[in-house]
């Protein structure tokens, strides 16, 4: 067997090279993505920060950003640039792909005259079709801490001012387009991009109205939802799309176990197990089942009502003949009724 001798200098060089490779491996980013305008154009110079961590960066000329050794777990990324409304993206770290995409909306000029008032925010955005073209004349509804309506202008833009912090749902509708919806916890001024797919002209008018969210039955259900969300509190919880976003690869049942928003009802949700009484899209009875049948990525928001917490009574009316089972509340000596979940699909 031939033995190879190496001088000390050669050994040192190899060790140095190995350490260099190790250092490069450690420099691999665990959070990265791209920031663009609603039209898909890259935005340079966007300030990107991680909540609660002394980490910040700026996007380059291609709109790209990255973080090396970002804290593991659920993190919130915040994006700011002069002339644009702030954007927020919740993620689960480590994130090893470059698929994080953020769209920032230019700040409307009329906001220059808006007085800043404590605890009041601005929510503005743009409604686009599947080809990034603006959708003018779309009706946009806001429910949650405040109920309001507006219509997109010729450039597809909409604005809500004086919105209190809290959970909100935004819905965009127009005949000929599929209804778009987005739910979030609003804590600051925000920009939002809503995308509406064009419906086939072959669909019957009644079916088009239904999918567009214009039909009377859909409108009635939406009014009921407005009432439930306005009345929810205490043990009733609404989990938004942004709460679920970091867990998009999990089933809905699994995702809810990790979301901070659902922590208040975790014990009761666990006790219900596979006997959650599900109502889909506010009106379609599914019955007693497990939330693991749904994928978190397909859900926009979930209303969770432990036994006795649904104050409006609307969910009970839809599920009265559905065979939903009563569940035993932890710490209680008897059952108090079904655990309701109203699941709104994207």
C-alpha atoms as a PDB file:
ATOM      1  CA  UNK A   1       0.000   0.000   0.000  1.00  0.00           C
ATOM      2  CA  UNK A   2       1.355   3.424  -0.971  1.00  0.00           C
ATOM      3  CA  UNK A   3       1.378   6.026   1.786  1.00  0.00           C
ATOM      4  CA  UNK A   4       1.049   9.689   0.931  1.00  0.00           C
ATOM      5  CA  UNK A   5       2.886  12.132   3.137  1.00  0.00           C
ATOM      6  CA  UNK A   6       1.791  15.693   3.345  1.00  0.00           C
ATOM      7  CA  UNK A   7       3.724  18.622   4.623  1.00  0.00           C
ATOM      8  CA  UNK A   8       2.306  20.716   7.450  1.00  0.00           C
ATOM      9  CA  UNK A   9       1.579  23.564   5.053  1.00  0.00           C
ATOM     10  CA  UNK A  10      -0.469  21.331   2.767  1.00  0.00           C
ATOM     11  CA  UNK A  11      -2.422  19.964   5.716  1.00  0.00           C
ATOM     12  CA  UNK A  12      -3.111  23.486   6.909  1.00  0.00           C
ATOM     13  CA  UNK A  13      -4.289  24.465   3.428  1.00  0.00           C
ATOM     14  CA  UNK A  14      -6.682  21.551   3.274  1.00  0.00           C
ATOM     15  CA  UNK A  15      -8.018  22.311   6.740  1.00  0.00           C
ATOM     16  CA  UNK A  16      -8.491  25.937   5.743  1.00  0.00           C
ATOM     17  CA  UNK A  17     -10.353  24.905   2.605  1.00  0.00           C
ATOM     18  CA  UNK A  18     -12.579  22.567   4.617  1.00  0.00           C
ATOM     19  CA  UNK A  19     -13.336  25.330   7.105  1.00  0.00           C
ATOM     20  CA  UNK A  20     -14.106  27.659   4.229  1.00  0.00           C
ATOM     21  CA  UNK A  21     -16.596  25.182   2.770  1.00  0.00           C
ATOM     22  CA  UNK A  22     -18.150  24.806   6.231  1.00  0.00           C
ATOM     23  CA  UNK A  23     -18.433  28.574   6.592  1.00  0.00           C
ATOM     24  CA  UNK A  24     -20.072  28.828   3.179  1.00  0.00           C
ATOM     25  CA  UNK A  25     -22.553  26.133   4.183  1.00  0.00           C
ATOM     26  CA  UNK A  26     -23.413  28.110   7.295  1.00  0.00           C
ATOM     27  CA  UNK A  27     -24.040  31.200   5.148  1.00  0.00           C
ATOM     28  CA  UNK A  28     -26.883  29.503   3.244  1.00  0.00           C
ATOM     29  CA  UNK A  29     -30.011  31.657   3.725  1.00  0.00           C
ATOM     30  CA  UNK A  30     -32.982  30.068   5.449  1.00  0.00           C
ATOM     31  CA  UNK A  31     -35.416  32.829   4.424  1.00  0.00           C
ATOM     32  CA  UNK A  32     -35.466  34.345   0.969  1.00  0.00           C
ATOM     33  CA  UNK A  33     -37.945  35.685  -1.539  1.00  0.00           C
ATOM     34  CA  UNK A  34     -38.907  38.463  -3.921  1.00  0.00           C
ATOM     35  CA  UNK A  35     -40.891  41.706  -3.613  1.00  0.00           C
ATOM     36  CA  UNK A  36     -42.783  43.032  -6.620  1.00  0.00           C
ATOM     37  CA  UNK A  37     -45.427  45.562  -7.610  1.00  0.00           C
ATOM     38  CA  UNK A  38     -48.962  44.300  -8.328  1.00  0.00           C
ATOM     39  CA  UNK A  39     -47.962  44.077 -12.003  1.00  0.00           C
ATOM     40  CA  UNK A  40     -45.083  41.758 -11.110  1.00  0.00           C
ATOM     41  CA  UNK A  41     -42.248  44.270 -11.537  1.00  0.00           C
ATOM     42  CA  UNK A  42     -39.368  43.899  -9.031  1.00  0.00           C
ATOM     43  CA  UNK A  43     -39.108  46.521  -6.281  1.00  0.00           C
ATOM     44  CA  UNK A  44     -35.625  47.595  -5.231  1.00  0.00           C
ATOM     45  CA  UNK A  45     -34.741  49.139  -1.874  1.00  0.00           C
ATOM     46  CA  UNK A  46     -37.604  47.647   0.144  1.00  0.00           C
ATOM     47  CA  UNK A  47     -36.761  47.482   3.851  1.00  0.00           C
ATOM     48  CA  UNK A  48     -37.409  43.935   5.141  1.00  0.00           C
ATOM     49  CA  UNK A  49     -37.420  43.226   8.885  1.00  0.00           C
ATOM     50  CA  UNK A  50     -38.215  40.279  11.139  1.00  0.00           C
ATOM     51  CA  UNK A  51     -40.450  41.064  14.099  1.00  0.00           C
ATOM     52  CA  UNK A  52     -38.664  40.719  17.425  1.00  0.00           C
ATOM     53  CA  UNK A  53     -35.248  40.040  15.875  1.00  0.00           C
ATOM     54  CA  UNK A  54     -32.368  42.466  15.244  1.00  0.00           C
ATOM     55  CA  UNK A  55     -32.332  41.534  11.552  1.00  0.00           C
ATOM     56  CA  UNK A  56     -33.069  43.670   8.523  1.00  0.00           C
ATOM     57  CA  UNK A  57     -32.106  43.801   4.864  1.00  0.00           C
ATOM     58  CA  UNK A  58     -33.086  45.523   1.616  1.00  0.00           C
ATOM     59  CA  UNK A  59     -34.172  44.104  -1.696  1.00  0.00           C
ATOM     60  CA  UNK A  60     -31.735  44.307  -4.615  1.00  0.00           C
ATOM     61  CA  UNK A  61     -32.408  45.501  -8.159  1.00  0.00           C
ATOM     62  CA  UNK A  62     -34.270  42.254  -8.879  1.00  0.00           C
ATOM     63  CA  UNK A  63     -36.465  42.646  -5.808  1.00  0.00           C
ATOM     64  CA  UNK A  64     -34.729  39.759  -4.056  1.00  0.00           C
ATOM     65  CA  UNK A  65     -34.070  39.548  -0.315  1.00  0.00           C
ATOM     66  CA  UNK A  66     -32.598  36.928   1.993  1.00  0.00           C
ATOM     67  CA  UNK A  67     -31.799  36.276   5.641  1.00  0.00           C
ATOM     68  CA  UNK A  68     -29.051  33.991   6.926  1.00  0.00           C
ATOM     69  CA  UNK A  69     -29.656  32.249  10.265  1.00  0.00           C
ATOM     70  CA  UNK A  70     -33.079  33.807  10.794  1.00  0.00           C
ATOM     71  CA  UNK A  71     -34.630  32.628  14.093  1.00  0.00           C
ATOM     72  CA  UNK A  72     -36.450  29.322  13.756  1.00  0.00           C
ATOM     73  CA  UNK A  73     -40.184  29.059  14.315  1.00  0.00           C
ATOM     74  CA  UNK A  74     -43.070  31.291  13.285  1.00  0.00           C
ATOM     75  CA  UNK A  75     -41.794  34.699  12.229  1.00  0.00           C
ATOM     76  CA  UNK A  76     -43.465  37.787  10.791  1.00  0.00           C
ATOM     77  CA  UNK A  77     -41.685  39.631   7.982  1.00  0.00           C
ATOM     78  CA  UNK A  78     -42.529  43.307   7.518  1.00  0.00           C
ATOM     79  CA  UNK A  79     -41.893  45.196   4.276  1.00  0.00           C
ATOM     80  CA  UNK A  80     -41.690  48.980   3.917  1.00  0.00           C
ATOM     81  CA  UNK A  81     -40.724  51.395   1.162  1.00  0.00           C
ATOM     82  CA  UNK A  82     -41.463  55.074   0.679  1.00  0.00           C
ATOM     83  CA  UNK A  83     -44.418  55.517  -1.647  1.00  0.00           C
ATOM     84  CA  UNK A  84     -45.856  52.076  -0.883  1.00  0.00           C
ATOM     85  CA  UNK A  85     -48.190  50.729   1.779  1.00  0.00           C
ATOM     86  CA  UNK A  86     -46.573  48.286   4.244  1.00  0.00           C
ATOM     87  CA  UNK A  87     -46.892  44.532   3.650  1.00  0.00           C
ATOM     88  CA  UNK A  88     -46.740  41.640   6.098  1.00  0.00           C
ATOM     89  CA  UNK A  89     -45.846  37.986   5.514  1.00  0.00           C
ATOM     90  CA  UNK A  90     -46.002  35.327   8.263  1.00  0.00           C
ATOM     91  CA  UNK A  91     -43.609  32.414   7.607  1.00  0.00           C
ATOM     92  CA  UNK A  92     -42.337  29.290   9.291  1.00  0.00           C
ATOM     93  CA  UNK A  93     -38.532  29.220   9.482  1.00  0.00           C
ATOM     94  CA  UNK A  94     -36.470  27.510   8.179  1.00  0.00           C
ATOM     95  CA  UNK A  95     -37.715  28.307   4.708  1.00  0.00           C
ATOM     96  CA  UNK A  96     -35.307  26.841   2.168  1.00  0.00           C
ATOM     97  CA  UNK A  97     -36.971  27.811  -1.092  1.00  0.00           C
ATOM     98  CA  UNK A  98     -37.045  31.104  -2.951  1.00  0.00           C
ATOM     99  CA  UNK A  99     -40.790  30.941  -3.440  1.00  0.00           C
ATOM    100  CA  UNK A 100     -41.742  33.611  -0.905  1.00  0.00           C
ATOM    101  CA  UNK A 101     -43.539  36.271  -2.906  1.00  0.00           C
ATOM    102  CA  UNK A 102     -44.697  39.646  -1.631  1.00  0.00           C
ATOM    103  CA  UNK A 103     -46.601  42.265  -3.608  1.00  0.00           C
ATOM    104  CA  UNK A 104     -46.599  45.861  -2.416  1.00  0.00           C
ATOM    105  CA  UNK A 105     -49.257  48.407  -3.366  1.00  0.00           C
ATOM    106  CA  UNK A 106     -48.356  52.027  -4.132  1.00  0.00           C
ATOM    107  CA  UNK A 107     -49.795  54.443  -1.585  1.00  0.00           C
ATOM    108  CA  UNK A 108     -52.740  56.422  -3.040  1.00  0.00           C
ATOM    109  CA  UNK A 109     -52.031  60.157  -3.259  1.00  0.00           C
ATOM    110  CA  UNK A 110     -55.219  60.946  -1.327  1.00  0.00           C
ATOM    111  CA  UNK A 111     -53.657  59.390   1.799  1.00  0.00           C
ATOM    112  CA  UNK A 112     -51.337  62.386   2.068  1.00  0.00           C
ATOM    113  CA  UNK A 113     -54.240  64.294   3.605  1.00  0.00           C
ATOM    114  CA  UNK A 114     -55.393  61.528   5.978  1.00  0.00           C
ATOM    115  CA  UNK A 115     -54.893  62.458   9.613  1.00  0.00           C
ATOM    116  CA  UNK A 116     -53.069  59.808  11.657  1.00  0.00           C
ATOM    117  CA  UNK A 117     -55.283  58.812  14.589  1.00  0.00           C
ATOM    118  CA  UNK A 118     -54.299  56.373  17.327  1.00  0.00           C
ATOM    119  CA  UNK A 119     -55.507  52.820  16.711  1.00  0.00           C
ATOM    120  CA  UNK A 120     -56.986  53.688  13.298  1.00  0.00           C
ATOM    121  CA  UNK A 121     -55.453  52.232  10.153  1.00  0.00           C
ATOM    122  CA  UNK A 122     -55.703  52.483   6.395  1.00  0.00           C
ATOM    123  CA  UNK A 123     -56.296  49.406   4.232  1.00  0.00           C
ATOM    124  CA  UNK A 124     -55.822  50.046   0.522  1.00  0.00           C
ATOM    125  CA  UNK A 125     -55.209  47.752  -2.387  1.00  0.00           C
ATOM    126  CA  UNK A 126     -55.799  46.780  -5.973  1.00  0.00           C
ATOM    127  CA  UNK A 127     -57.986  44.121  -7.586  1.00  0.00           C
ATOM    128  CA  UNK A 128     -56.408  42.325 -10.565  1.00  0.00           C
ATOM    129  CA  UNK A 129     -57.442  39.554 -12.919  1.00  0.00           C
ATOM    130  CA  UNK A 130     -55.342  36.460 -13.637  1.00  0.00           C
ATOM    131  CA  UNK A 131     -53.253  38.410 -16.180  1.00  0.00           C
ATOM    132  CA  UNK A 132     -52.420  41.237 -13.741  1.00  0.00           C
ATOM    133  CA  UNK A 133     -54.880  43.609 -15.384  1.00  0.00           C
ATOM    134  CA  UNK A 134     -56.877  45.940 -13.098  1.00  0.00           C
ATOM    135  CA  UNK A 135     -60.530  45.132 -12.471  1.00  0.00           C
ATOM    136  CA  UNK A 136     -62.508  48.414 -12.313  1.00  0.00           C
ATOM    137  CA  UNK A 137     -65.988  48.577 -10.840  1.00  0.00           C
ATOM    138  CA  UNK A 138     -65.515  45.652  -8.463  1.00  0.00           C
ATOM    139  CA  UNK A 139     -67.470  45.874  -5.203  1.00  0.00           C
ATOM    140  CA  UNK A 140     -65.181  45.537  -2.179  1.00  0.00           C
ATOM    141  CA  UNK A 141     -66.622  44.753   1.269  1.00  0.00           C
ATOM    142  CA  UNK A 142     -64.849  44.986   4.619  1.00  0.00           C
ATOM    143  CA  UNK A 143     -66.144  43.225   7.733  1.00  0.00           C
ATOM    144  CA  UNK A 144     -64.668  42.807  11.194  1.00  0.00           C
ATOM    145  CA  UNK A 145     -63.815  45.739  13.426  1.00  0.00           C
ATOM    146  CA  UNK A 146     -65.778  47.886  10.981  1.00  0.00           C
ATOM    147  CA  UNK A 147     -68.203  47.084   8.170  1.00  0.00           C
ATOM    148  CA  UNK A 148     -67.758  49.145   5.009  1.00  0.00           C
ATOM    149  CA  UNK A 149     -68.180  48.999   1.243  1.00  0.00           C
ATOM    150  CA  UNK A 150     -66.488  50.672  -1.699  1.00  0.00           C
ATOM    151  CA  UNK A 151     -65.890  50.175  -5.427  1.00  0.00           C
ATOM    152  CA  UNK A 152     -62.601  49.915  -7.320  1.00  0.00           C
ATOM    153  CA  UNK A 153     -61.692  52.846  -9.563  1.00  0.00           C
ATOM    154  CA  UNK A 154     -60.533  52.733 -13.198  1.00  0.00           C
ATOM    155  CA  UNK A 155     -57.135  51.408 -12.066  1.00  0.00           C
ATOM    156  CA  UNK A 156     -58.655  48.657  -9.900  1.00  0.00           C
ATOM    157  CA  UNK A 157     -57.773  50.426  -6.647  1.00  0.00           C
ATOM    158  CA  UNK A 158     -59.765  50.686  -3.414  1.00  0.00           C
ATOM    159  CA  UNK A 159     -59.169  52.385  -0.053  1.00  0.00           C
ATOM    160  CA  UNK A 160     -60.639  52.081   3.443  1.00  0.00           C
ATOM    161  CA  UNK A 161     -59.626  54.651   6.052  1.00  0.00           C
ATOM    162  CA  UNK A 162     -60.195  54.834   9.825  1.00  0.00           C
ATOM    163  CA  UNK A 163     -60.187  51.056  10.279  1.00  0.00           C
ATOM    164  CA  UNK A 164     -59.699  49.869  13.861  1.00  0.00           C
ATOM    165  CA  UNK A 165     -57.071  47.262  14.653  1.00  0.00           C
ATOM    166  CA  UNK A 166     -58.380  43.709  14.791  1.00  0.00           C
ATOM    167  CA  UNK A 167     -59.516  40.785  12.666  1.00  0.00           C
ATOM    168  CA  UNK A 168     -60.972  41.741   9.272  1.00  0.00           C
ATOM    169  CA  UNK A 169     -62.150  40.022   6.098  1.00  0.00           C
ATOM    170  CA  UNK A 170     -62.033  41.740   2.695  1.00  0.00           C
ATOM    171  CA  UNK A 171     -64.154  40.512  -0.211  1.00  0.00           C
ATOM    172  CA  UNK A 172     -64.135  41.634  -3.874  1.00  0.00           C
ATOM    173  CA  UNK A 173     -67.004  40.871  -6.270  1.00  0.00           C
ATOM    174  CA  UNK A 174     -67.927  41.558  -9.869  1.00  0.00           C
ATOM    175  CA  UNK A 175     -70.163  39.729 -12.318  1.00  0.00           C
ATOM    176  CA  UNK A 176     -68.044  37.609 -14.648  1.00  0.00           C
ATOM    177  CA  UNK A 177     -65.294  37.081 -12.067  1.00  0.00           C
ATOM    178  CA  UNK A 178     -64.821  34.579  -9.254  1.00  0.00           C
ATOM    179  CA  UNK A 179     -65.206  36.233  -5.849  1.00  0.00           C
ATOM    180  CA  UNK A 180     -61.896  36.975  -4.083  1.00  0.00           C
ATOM    181  CA  UNK A 181     -61.413  37.074  -0.323  1.00  0.00           C
ATOM    182  CA  UNK A 182     -58.612  37.694   2.182  1.00  0.00           C
ATOM    183  CA  UNK A 183     -58.611  37.626   5.984  1.00  0.00           C
ATOM    184  CA  UNK A 184     -56.004  39.115   8.319  1.00  0.00           C
ATOM    185  CA  UNK A 185     -55.286  40.660  11.693  1.00  0.00           C
ATOM    186  CA  UNK A 186     -54.953  44.368  10.896  1.00  0.00           C
ATOM    187  CA  UNK A 187     -52.516  46.156  13.215  1.00  0.00           C
ATOM    188  CA  UNK A 188     -51.105  48.909  10.981  1.00  0.00           C
ATOM    189  CA  UNK A 189     -51.562  50.520   7.593  1.00  0.00           C
ATOM    190  CA  UNK A 190     -51.579  47.755   4.979  1.00  0.00           C
ATOM    191  CA  UNK A 191     -51.592  47.230   1.241  1.00  0.00           C
ATOM    192  CA  UNK A 192     -53.411  44.263  -0.289  1.00  0.00           C
ATOM    193  CA  UNK A 193     -53.592  42.648  -3.727  1.00  0.00           C
ATOM    194  CA  UNK A 194     -56.764  40.699  -4.511  1.00  0.00           C
ATOM    195  CA  UNK A 195     -56.849  38.482  -7.586  1.00  0.00           C
ATOM    196  CA  UNK A 196     -60.076  37.515  -9.374  1.00  0.00           C
ATOM    197  CA  UNK A 197     -60.214  34.769 -12.006  1.00  0.00           C
ATOM    198  CA  UNK A 198     -62.442  35.344 -15.053  1.00  0.00           C
ATOM    199  CA  UNK A 199     -65.451  33.028 -15.276  1.00  0.00           C
ATOM    200  CA  UNK A 200     -66.361  31.082 -18.384  1.00  0.00           C
ATOM    201  CA  UNK A 201     -69.003  32.776 -20.513  1.00  0.00           C
ATOM    202  CA  UNK A 202     -70.602  29.358 -20.970  1.00  0.00           C
ATOM    203  CA  UNK A 203     -71.875  29.362 -17.400  1.00  0.00           C
ATOM    204  CA  UNK A 204     -75.532  30.152 -16.885  1.00  0.00           C
ATOM    205  CA  UNK A 205     -76.264  33.631 -15.556  1.00  0.00           C
ATOM    206  CA  UNK A 206     -77.540  32.294 -12.237  1.00  0.00           C
ATOM    207  CA  UNK A 207     -74.408  30.193 -11.759  1.00  0.00           C
ATOM    208  CA  UNK A 208     -72.149  33.126 -12.665  1.00  0.00           C
ATOM    209  CA  UNK A 209     -73.909  35.304 -10.086  1.00  0.00           C
ATOM    210  CA  UNK A 210     -73.460  32.587  -7.463  1.00  0.00           C
ATOM    211  CA  UNK A 211     -69.717  32.155  -8.053  1.00  0.00           C
ATOM    212  CA  UNK A 212     -69.240  35.927  -8.304  1.00  0.00           C
ATOM    213  CA  UNK A 213     -70.849  36.371  -4.880  1.00  0.00           C
ATOM    214  CA  UNK A 214     -73.656  38.496  -6.317  1.00  0.00           C
ATOM    215  CA  UNK A 215     -76.565  36.093  -5.809  1.00  0.00           C
ATOM    216  CA  UNK A 216     -79.156  36.758  -3.113  1.00  0.00           C
ATOM    217  CA  UNK A 217     -78.386  33.572  -1.189  1.00  0.00           C
ATOM    218  CA  UNK A 218     -74.678  34.424  -1.042  1.00  0.00           C
ATOM    219  CA  UNK A 219     -75.456  37.956   0.095  1.00  0.00           C
ATOM    220  CA  UNK A 220     -77.742  36.689   2.856  1.00  0.00           C
ATOM    221  CA  UNK A 221     -75.024  34.342   4.134  1.00  0.00           C
ATOM    222  CA  UNK A 222     -72.508  37.190   4.084  1.00  0.00           C
ATOM    223  CA  UNK A 223     -74.808  39.346   6.223  1.00  0.00           C
ATOM    224  CA  UNK A 224     -75.108  36.488   8.715  1.00  0.00           C
ATOM    225  CA  UNK A 225     -71.323  36.203   8.784  1.00  0.00           C
ATOM    226  CA  UNK A 226     -70.996  39.930   9.426  1.00  0.00           C
ATOM    227  CA  UNK A 227     -73.313  39.520  12.401  1.00  0.00           C
ATOM    228  CA  UNK A 228     -71.455  36.492  13.811  1.00  0.00           C
ATOM    229  CA  UNK A 229     -68.047  38.118  13.537  1.00  0.00           C
ATOM    230  CA  UNK A 230     -69.346  41.339  15.091  1.00  0.00           C
ATOM    231  CA  UNK A 231     -70.735  39.326  18.013  1.00  0.00           C
ATOM    232  CA  UNK A 232     -67.819  36.909  18.419  1.00  0.00           C
ATOM    233  CA  UNK A 233     -65.716  37.232  21.517  1.00  0.00           C
ATOM    234  CA  UNK A 234     -64.676  35.380  24.627  1.00  0.00           C
ATOM    235  CA  UNK A 235     -64.394  31.715  23.713  1.00  0.00           C
ATOM    236  CA  UNK A 236     -65.311  32.214  20.043  1.00  0.00           C
ATOM    237  CA  UNK A 237     -62.258  32.559  17.764  1.00  0.00           C
ATOM    238  CA  UNK A 238     -61.657  33.532  14.133  1.00  0.00           C
ATOM    239  CA  UNK A 239     -58.448  32.158  12.587  1.00  0.00           C
ATOM    240  CA  UNK A 240     -57.368  34.093   9.483  1.00  0.00           C
ATOM    241  CA  UNK A 241     -55.591  33.128   6.274  1.00  0.00           C
ATOM    242  CA  UNK A 242     -52.446  34.834   7.545  1.00  0.00           C
ATOM    243  CA  UNK A 243     -52.613  32.836  10.802  1.00  0.00           C
ATOM    244  CA  UNK A 244     -52.706  29.638   8.732  1.00  0.00           C
ATOM    245  CA  UNK A 245     -50.107  30.716   6.147  1.00  0.00           C
ATOM    246  CA  UNK A 246     -47.010  29.340   7.951  1.00  0.00           C
ATOM    247  CA  UNK A 247     -48.693  25.920   8.145  1.00  0.00           C
ATOM    248  CA  UNK A 248     -49.927  25.645   4.563  1.00  0.00           C
ATOM    249  CA  UNK A 249     -48.329  22.206   4.208  1.00  0.00           C
ATOM    250  CA  UNK A 250     -50.419  20.776   7.061  1.00  0.00           C
ATOM    251  CA  UNK A 251     -54.017  19.686   7.376  1.00  0.00           C
ATOM    252  CA  UNK A 252     -56.365  22.284   8.821  1.00  0.00           C
ATOM    253  CA  UNK A 253     -56.704  20.368  12.087  1.00  0.00           C
ATOM    254  CA  UNK A 254     -52.932  20.168  12.504  1.00  0.00           C
ATOM    255  CA  UNK A 255     -52.424  23.815  11.538  1.00  0.00           C
ATOM    256  CA  UNK A 256     -54.954  25.009  14.117  1.00  0.00           C
ATOM    257  CA  UNK A 257     -53.036  23.221  16.866  1.00  0.00           C
ATOM    258  CA  UNK A 258     -50.045  25.468  16.150  1.00  0.00           C
ATOM    259  CA  UNK A 259     -51.675  28.831  15.472  1.00  0.00           C
ATOM    260  CA  UNK A 260     -51.520  31.276  18.402  1.00  0.00           C
ATOM    261  CA  UNK A 261     -55.006  32.499  17.453  1.00  0.00           C
ATOM    262  CA  UNK A 262     -56.558  29.093  18.234  1.00  0.00           C
ATOM    263  CA  UNK A 263     -54.643  28.570  21.480  1.00  0.00           C
ATOM    264  CA  UNK A 264     -57.562  29.860  23.567  1.00  0.00           C
ATOM    265  CA  UNK A 265     -59.798  26.999  22.401  1.00  0.00           C
ATOM    266  CA  UNK A 266     -57.121  24.316  21.984  1.00  0.00           C
ATOM    267  CA  UNK A 267     -58.355  22.168  24.877  1.00  0.00           C
ATOM    268  CA  UNK A 268     -61.978  22.242  23.714  1.00  0.00           C
ATOM    269  CA  UNK A 269     -60.960  21.631  20.095  1.00  0.00           C
ATOM    270  CA  UNK A 270     -58.911  18.618  21.173  1.00  0.00           C
ATOM    271  CA  UNK A 271     -61.860  17.297  23.180  1.00  0.00           C
ATOM    272  CA  UNK A 272     -64.122  17.582  20.116  1.00  0.00           C
ATOM    273  CA  UNK A 273     -61.614  15.533  18.048  1.00  0.00           C
ATOM    274  CA  UNK A 274     -63.480  14.045  15.081  1.00  0.00           C
ATOM    275  CA  UNK A 275     -66.842  15.419  16.184  1.00  0.00           C
ATOM    276  CA  UNK A 276     -66.490  19.028  15.048  1.00  0.00           C
ATOM    277  CA  UNK A 277     -69.745  20.215  13.457  1.00  0.00           C
ATOM    278  CA  UNK A 278     -68.610  21.768  10.158  1.00  0.00           C
ATOM    279  CA  UNK A 279     -70.448  24.352   8.067  1.00  0.00           C
ATOM    280  CA  UNK A 280     -68.647  25.188   4.808  1.00  0.00           C
ATOM    281  CA  UNK A 281     -68.732  28.667   3.266  1.00  0.00           C
ATOM    282  CA  UNK A 282     -71.314  29.780   5.794  1.00  0.00           C
ATOM    283  CA  UNK A 283     -74.196  27.626   4.516  1.00  0.00           C
ATOM    284  CA  UNK A 284     -73.240  24.121   3.332  1.00  0.00           C
ATOM    285  CA  UNK A 285     -73.681  21.525   6.069  1.00  0.00           C
ATOM    286  CA  UNK A 286     -70.910  18.934   6.310  1.00  0.00           C
ATOM    287  CA  UNK A 287     -71.810  17.550   9.742  1.00  0.00           C
ATOM    288  CA  UNK A 288     -69.700  15.990  12.490  1.00  0.00           C
ATOM    289  CA  UNK A 289     -66.228  15.306  11.147  1.00  0.00           C
ATOM    290  CA  UNK A 290     -62.525  15.980  11.664  1.00  0.00           C
ATOM    291  CA  UNK A 291     -60.860  19.184  10.505  1.00  0.00           C
ATOM    292  CA  UNK A 292     -57.978  17.081   9.211  1.00  0.00           C
ATOM    293  CA  UNK A 293     -60.072  16.413   6.099  1.00  0.00           C
ATOM    294  CA  UNK A 294     -59.199  19.928   4.899  1.00  0.00           C
ATOM    295  CA  UNK A 295     -55.839  21.352   3.831  1.00  0.00           C
ATOM    296  CA  UNK A 296     -54.771  24.605   5.491  1.00  0.00           C
ATOM    297  CA  UNK A 297     -53.640  26.008   2.119  1.00  0.00           C
ATOM    298  CA  UNK A 298     -57.200  25.774   0.786  1.00  0.00           C
ATOM    299  CA  UNK A 299     -58.810  27.729   3.642  1.00  0.00           C
ATOM    300  CA  UNK A 300     -59.249  31.504   3.865  1.00  0.00           C
ATOM    301  CA  UNK A 301     -60.521  31.692   7.432  1.00  0.00           C
ATOM    302  CA  UNK A 302     -62.214  29.579  10.104  1.00  0.00           C
ATOM    303  CA  UNK A 303     -64.786  30.564  12.711  1.00  0.00           C
ATOM    304  CA  UNK A 304     -64.417  28.351  15.800  1.00  0.00           C
ATOM    305  CA  UNK A 305     -67.275  28.169  18.301  1.00  0.00           C
ATOM    306  CA  UNK A 306     -66.843  25.928  21.361  1.00  0.00           C
ATOM    307  CA  UNK A 307     -70.124  24.678  22.853  1.00  0.00           C
ATOM    308  CA  UNK A 308     -72.373  27.543  23.900  1.00  0.00           C
ATOM    309  CA  UNK A 309     -70.275  30.339  22.334  1.00  0.00           C
ATOM    310  CA  UNK A 310     -72.108  30.957  19.019  1.00  0.00           C
ATOM    311  CA  UNK A 311     -74.260  33.894  20.094  1.00  0.00           C
ATOM    312  CA  UNK A 312     -76.111  34.639  16.842  1.00  0.00           C
ATOM    313  CA  UNK A 313     -77.724  31.199  16.501  1.00  0.00           C
ATOM    314  CA  UNK A 314     -77.250  31.193  12.704  1.00  0.00           C
ATOM    315  CA  UNK A 315     -74.889  28.194  12.653  1.00  0.00           C
ATOM    316  CA  UNK A 316     -77.288  26.164  14.806  1.00  0.00           C
ATOM    317  CA  UNK A 317     -80.074  26.834  12.288  1.00  0.00           C
ATOM    318  CA  UNK A 318     -78.030  25.491   9.387  1.00  0.00           C
ATOM    319  CA  UNK A 319     -76.904  22.412  11.316  1.00  0.00           C
ATOM    320  CA  UNK A 320     -80.112  21.601  13.211  1.00  0.00           C
ATOM    321  CA  UNK A 321     -80.903  18.468  11.169  1.00  0.00           C
ATOM    322  CA  UNK A 322     -77.319  17.506  10.447  1.00  0.00           C
ATOM    323  CA  UNK A 323     -76.837  15.011  13.247  1.00  0.00           C
ATOM    324  CA  UNK A 324     -74.035  17.043  14.858  1.00  0.00           C
ATOM    325  CA  UNK A 325     -72.987  15.529  18.166  1.00  0.00           C
ATOM    326  CA  UNK A 326     -72.675  17.247  21.492  1.00  0.00           C
ATOM    327  CA  UNK A 327     -69.193  17.221  22.969  1.00  0.00           C
ATOM    328  CA  UNK A 328     -68.129  17.266  26.573  1.00  0.00           C
ATOM    329  CA  UNK A 329     -66.485  20.484  27.666  1.00  0.00           C
ATOM    330  CA  UNK A 330     -63.340  19.916  29.761  1.00  0.00           C
ATOM    331  CA  UNK A 331     -64.041  20.669  33.410  1.00  0.00           C
ATOM    332  CA  UNK A 332     -67.808  20.357  32.915  1.00  0.00           C
ATOM    333  CA  UNK A 333     -69.907  17.463  34.209  1.00  0.00           C
ATOM    334  CA  UNK A 334     -72.211  17.338  31.190  1.00  0.00           C
ATOM    335  CA  UNK A 335     -72.260  18.023  27.450  1.00  0.00           C
ATOM    336  CA  UNK A 336     -73.229  21.524  26.360  1.00  0.00           C
ATOM    337  CA  UNK A 337     -73.692  21.113  22.635  1.00  0.00           C
ATOM    338  CA  UNK A 338     -71.727  20.864  19.380  1.00  0.00           C
ATOM    339  CA  UNK A 339     -68.349  22.443  18.716  1.00  0.00           C
ATOM    340  CA  UNK A 340     -69.018  24.454  15.545  1.00  0.00           C
ATOM    341  CA  UNK A 341     -66.477  25.303  12.829  1.00  0.00           C
ATOM    342  CA  UNK A 342     -67.442  27.518   9.887  1.00  0.00           C
ATOM    343  CA  UNK A 343     -64.789  26.922   7.214  1.00  0.00           C
ATOM    344  CA  UNK A 344     -64.430  29.449   4.392  1.00  0.00           C
ATOM    345  CA  UNK A 345     -62.580  28.045   1.395  1.00  0.00           C
ATOM    346  CA  UNK A 346     -60.344  30.134  -0.842  1.00  0.00           C
END
